[in-house]
Structure formats: C-alpha cells, structure tokens
C-alpha cells in the first residue's frame, strides 16, 4: 500500500519539524523506501530550509538533508537493481 505510507512519512516529517530532526530523516528515508522520490526530495529541501546549514566541520554542506535524500534514493534503486538481478539469476 503506497498511499498510507505517504501519509505516515508526511506525519513523521511534521513531527520532525516540530519536535526532533531525526524523525524528519526517518520520514525522508520512508518516503524514498516506498518510491515517493519527489516528495522525499521536497521533504529534504524543507528540512534544509528549516534547519539551515550544519555548524562546525560540516559547514560546507549547504543542503545536507537534500544530499542525504539523493543518497537514499540512489542506494535504494541500486539495491533493488542488484536484488532483481540475483532473483532472476536464481530462478533460471
């Protein structure tokens, strides 16, 4: 079911905005996991706007949540591609 997962990730994102930022990261990961790639990138952009660039040694990352979202999307797509190849090779 893809529709409820979107609302669950949106709820976690709102809680991440209001309460604690790791909930926002979980929301981004869930949205990417359930193939809601565009909303995941939008979530990451909202988190970047809300929290701004990180302090101290990671200050050169101006958009860390958006970059994290892109990494999540690439890793999920790459993992699915590998698993599909293994599954098709195992069934042959």
C-alpha atoms as a PDB file:
ATOM      1  CA  UNK A   1       0.000   0.000   0.000  1.00  0.00           C
ATOM      2  CA  UNK A   2       1.673   3.131  -1.160  1.00  0.00           C
ATOM      3  CA  UNK A   3      -0.935   5.684  -0.188  1.00  0.00           C
ATOM      4  CA  UNK A   4      -0.824   5.222   3.622  1.00  0.00           C
ATOM      5  CA  UNK A   5       2.983   5.177   3.570  1.00  0.00           C
ATOM      6  CA  UNK A   6       2.956   8.670   2.072  1.00  0.00           C
ATOM      7  CA  UNK A   7       0.799   9.994   4.885  1.00  0.00           C
ATOM      8  CA  UNK A   8       2.858   8.214   7.540  1.00  0.00           C
ATOM      9  CA  UNK A   9       6.064   9.727   6.182  1.00  0.00           C
ATOM     10  CA  UNK A  10       4.392  13.150   5.988  1.00  0.00           C
ATOM     11  CA  UNK A  11       3.291  12.844   9.620  1.00  0.00           C
ATOM     12  CA  UNK A  12       6.811  11.888  10.683  1.00  0.00           C
ATOM     13  CA  UNK A  13       8.170  14.833   8.739  1.00  0.00           C
ATOM     14  CA  UNK A  14       5.824  17.250  10.504  1.00  0.00           C
ATOM     15  CA  UNK A  15       6.871  15.777  13.837  1.00  0.00           C
ATOM     16  CA  UNK A  16      10.480  16.146  12.736  1.00  0.00           C
ATOM     17  CA  UNK A  17       9.851  19.822  12.012  1.00  0.00           C
ATOM     18  CA  UNK A  18       8.195  20.433  15.337  1.00  0.00           C
ATOM     19  CA  UNK A  19       9.937  18.097  17.734  1.00  0.00           C
ATOM     20  CA  UNK A  20      13.167  16.386  16.736  1.00  0.00           C
ATOM     21  CA  UNK A  21      15.095  16.388  13.464  1.00  0.00           C
ATOM     22  CA  UNK A  22      15.882  12.611  13.303  1.00  0.00           C
ATOM     23  CA  UNK A  23      12.165  11.985  12.810  1.00  0.00           C
ATOM     24  CA  UNK A  24      12.442  14.097   9.682  1.00  0.00           C
ATOM     25  CA  UNK A  25      15.313  11.921   8.472  1.00  0.00           C
ATOM     26  CA  UNK A  26      13.194   8.813   9.109  1.00  0.00           C
ATOM     27  CA  UNK A  27      10.375  10.419   7.120  1.00  0.00           C
ATOM     28  CA  UNK A  28      12.741  11.116   4.230  1.00  0.00           C
ATOM     29  CA  UNK A  29      14.014   7.528   4.327  1.00  0.00           C
ATOM     30  CA  UNK A  30      10.485   6.079   4.413  1.00  0.00           C
ATOM     31  CA  UNK A  31       9.358   8.233   1.520  1.00  0.00           C
ATOM     32  CA  UNK A  32      12.355   7.123  -0.533  1.00  0.00           C
ATOM     33  CA  UNK A  33      11.872   3.497   0.519  1.00  0.00           C
ATOM     34  CA  UNK A  34       8.282   3.494  -0.707  1.00  0.00           C
ATOM     35  CA  UNK A  35       9.307   5.099  -4.033  1.00  0.00           C
ATOM     36  CA  UNK A  36       7.951   8.549  -3.284  1.00  0.00           C
ATOM     37  CA  UNK A  37      11.122  10.113  -4.641  1.00  0.00           C
ATOM     38  CA  UNK A  38       9.828  13.585  -5.454  1.00  0.00           C
ATOM     39  CA  UNK A  39       8.156  14.073  -2.053  1.00  0.00           C
ATOM     40  CA  UNK A  40      11.331  12.758  -0.387  1.00  0.00           C
ATOM     41  CA  UNK A  41      13.415  15.397  -2.146  1.00  0.00           C
ATOM     42  CA  UNK A  42      10.854  18.058  -1.236  1.00  0.00           C
ATOM     43  CA  UNK A  43      10.984  16.859   2.399  1.00  0.00           C
ATOM     44  CA  UNK A  44      14.770  17.166   2.318  1.00  0.00           C
ATOM     45  CA  UNK A  45      14.546  20.681   0.902  1.00  0.00           C
ATOM     46  CA  UNK A  46      12.062  21.683   3.624  1.00  0.00           C
ATOM     47  CA  UNK A  47      14.380  20.297   6.283  1.00  0.00           C
ATOM     48  CA  UNK A  48      17.269  22.269   4.780  1.00  0.00           C
ATOM     49  CA  UNK A  49      15.244  25.470   4.772  1.00  0.00           C
ATOM     50  CA  UNK A  50      14.130  24.905   8.351  1.00  0.00           C
ATOM     51  CA  UNK A  51      17.470  23.975   9.905  1.00  0.00           C
ATOM     52  CA  UNK A  52      19.917  25.705   7.566  1.00  0.00           C
ATOM     53  CA  UNK A  53      23.498  24.592   7.017  1.00  0.00           C
ATOM     54  CA  UNK A  54      25.095  22.487   9.735  1.00  0.00           C
ATOM     55  CA  UNK A  55      27.587  24.090  12.113  1.00  0.00           C
ATOM     56  CA  UNK A  56      31.279  23.396  12.729  1.00  0.00           C
ATOM     57  CA  UNK A  57      33.098  20.922  10.468  1.00  0.00           C
ATOM     58  CA  UNK A  58      30.214  20.188   8.066  1.00  0.00           C
ATOM     59  CA  UNK A  59      29.535  23.851   7.260  1.00  0.00           C
ATOM     60  CA  UNK A  60      30.463  23.316   3.594  1.00  0.00           C
ATOM     61  CA  UNK A  61      27.324  21.179   3.161  1.00  0.00           C
ATOM     62  CA  UNK A  62      24.691  23.785   2.470  1.00  0.00           C
ATOM     63  CA  UNK A  63      21.926  21.281   1.753  1.00  0.00           C
ATOM     64  CA  UNK A  64      22.698  18.187   3.871  1.00  0.00           C
ATOM     65  CA  UNK A  65      19.166  16.790   4.049  1.00  0.00           C
ATOM     66  CA  UNK A  66      18.655  17.060   0.297  1.00  0.00           C
ATOM     67  CA  UNK A  67      22.007  15.376  -0.323  1.00  0.00           C
ATOM     68  CA  UNK A  68      21.047  12.665   2.156  1.00  0.00           C
ATOM     69  CA  UNK A  69      17.782  12.180   0.280  1.00  0.00           C
ATOM     70  CA  UNK A  70      19.604  11.773  -3.024  1.00  0.00           C
ATOM     71  CA  UNK A  71      21.923   9.226  -1.394  1.00  0.00           C
ATOM     72  CA  UNK A  72      18.905   7.319  -0.029  1.00  0.00           C
ATOM     73  CA  UNK A  73      17.261   7.265  -3.460  1.00  0.00           C
ATOM     74  CA  UNK A  74      20.409   6.091  -5.241  1.00  0.00           C
ATOM     75  CA  UNK A  75      21.122   3.378  -2.661  1.00  0.00           C
ATOM     76  CA  UNK A  76      17.543   2.097  -2.750  1.00  0.00           C
ATOM     77  CA  UNK A  77      17.426   1.992  -6.551  1.00  0.00           C
ATOM     78  CA  UNK A  78      20.859   0.336  -6.722  1.00  0.00           C
ATOM     79  CA  UNK A  79      19.916  -2.270  -4.083  1.00  0.00           C
ATOM     80  CA  UNK A  80      16.664  -3.088  -5.879  1.00  0.00           C
ATOM     81  CA  UNK A  81      18.525  -3.492  -9.147  1.00  0.00           C
ATOM     82  CA  UNK A  82      21.010  -5.911  -7.567  1.00  0.00           C
ATOM     83  CA  UNK A  83      18.275  -7.899  -5.840  1.00  0.00           C
ATOM     84  CA  UNK A  84      16.271  -8.186  -9.063  1.00  0.00           C
ATOM     85  CA  UNK A  85      19.329  -9.492 -10.908  1.00  0.00           C
ATOM     86  CA  UNK A  86      20.007 -12.069  -8.193  1.00  0.00           C
ATOM     87  CA  UNK A  87      16.384 -13.144  -8.125  1.00  0.00           C
ATOM     88  CA  UNK A  88      16.208 -13.533 -11.913  1.00  0.00           C
ATOM     89  CA  UNK A  89      19.531 -15.419 -11.957  1.00  0.00           C
ATOM     90  CA  UNK A  90      18.349 -17.728  -9.178  1.00  0.00           C
ATOM     91  CA  UNK A  91      15.108 -18.574 -10.975  1.00  0.00           C
ATOM     92  CA  UNK A  92      16.926 -19.500 -14.200  1.00  0.00           C
END
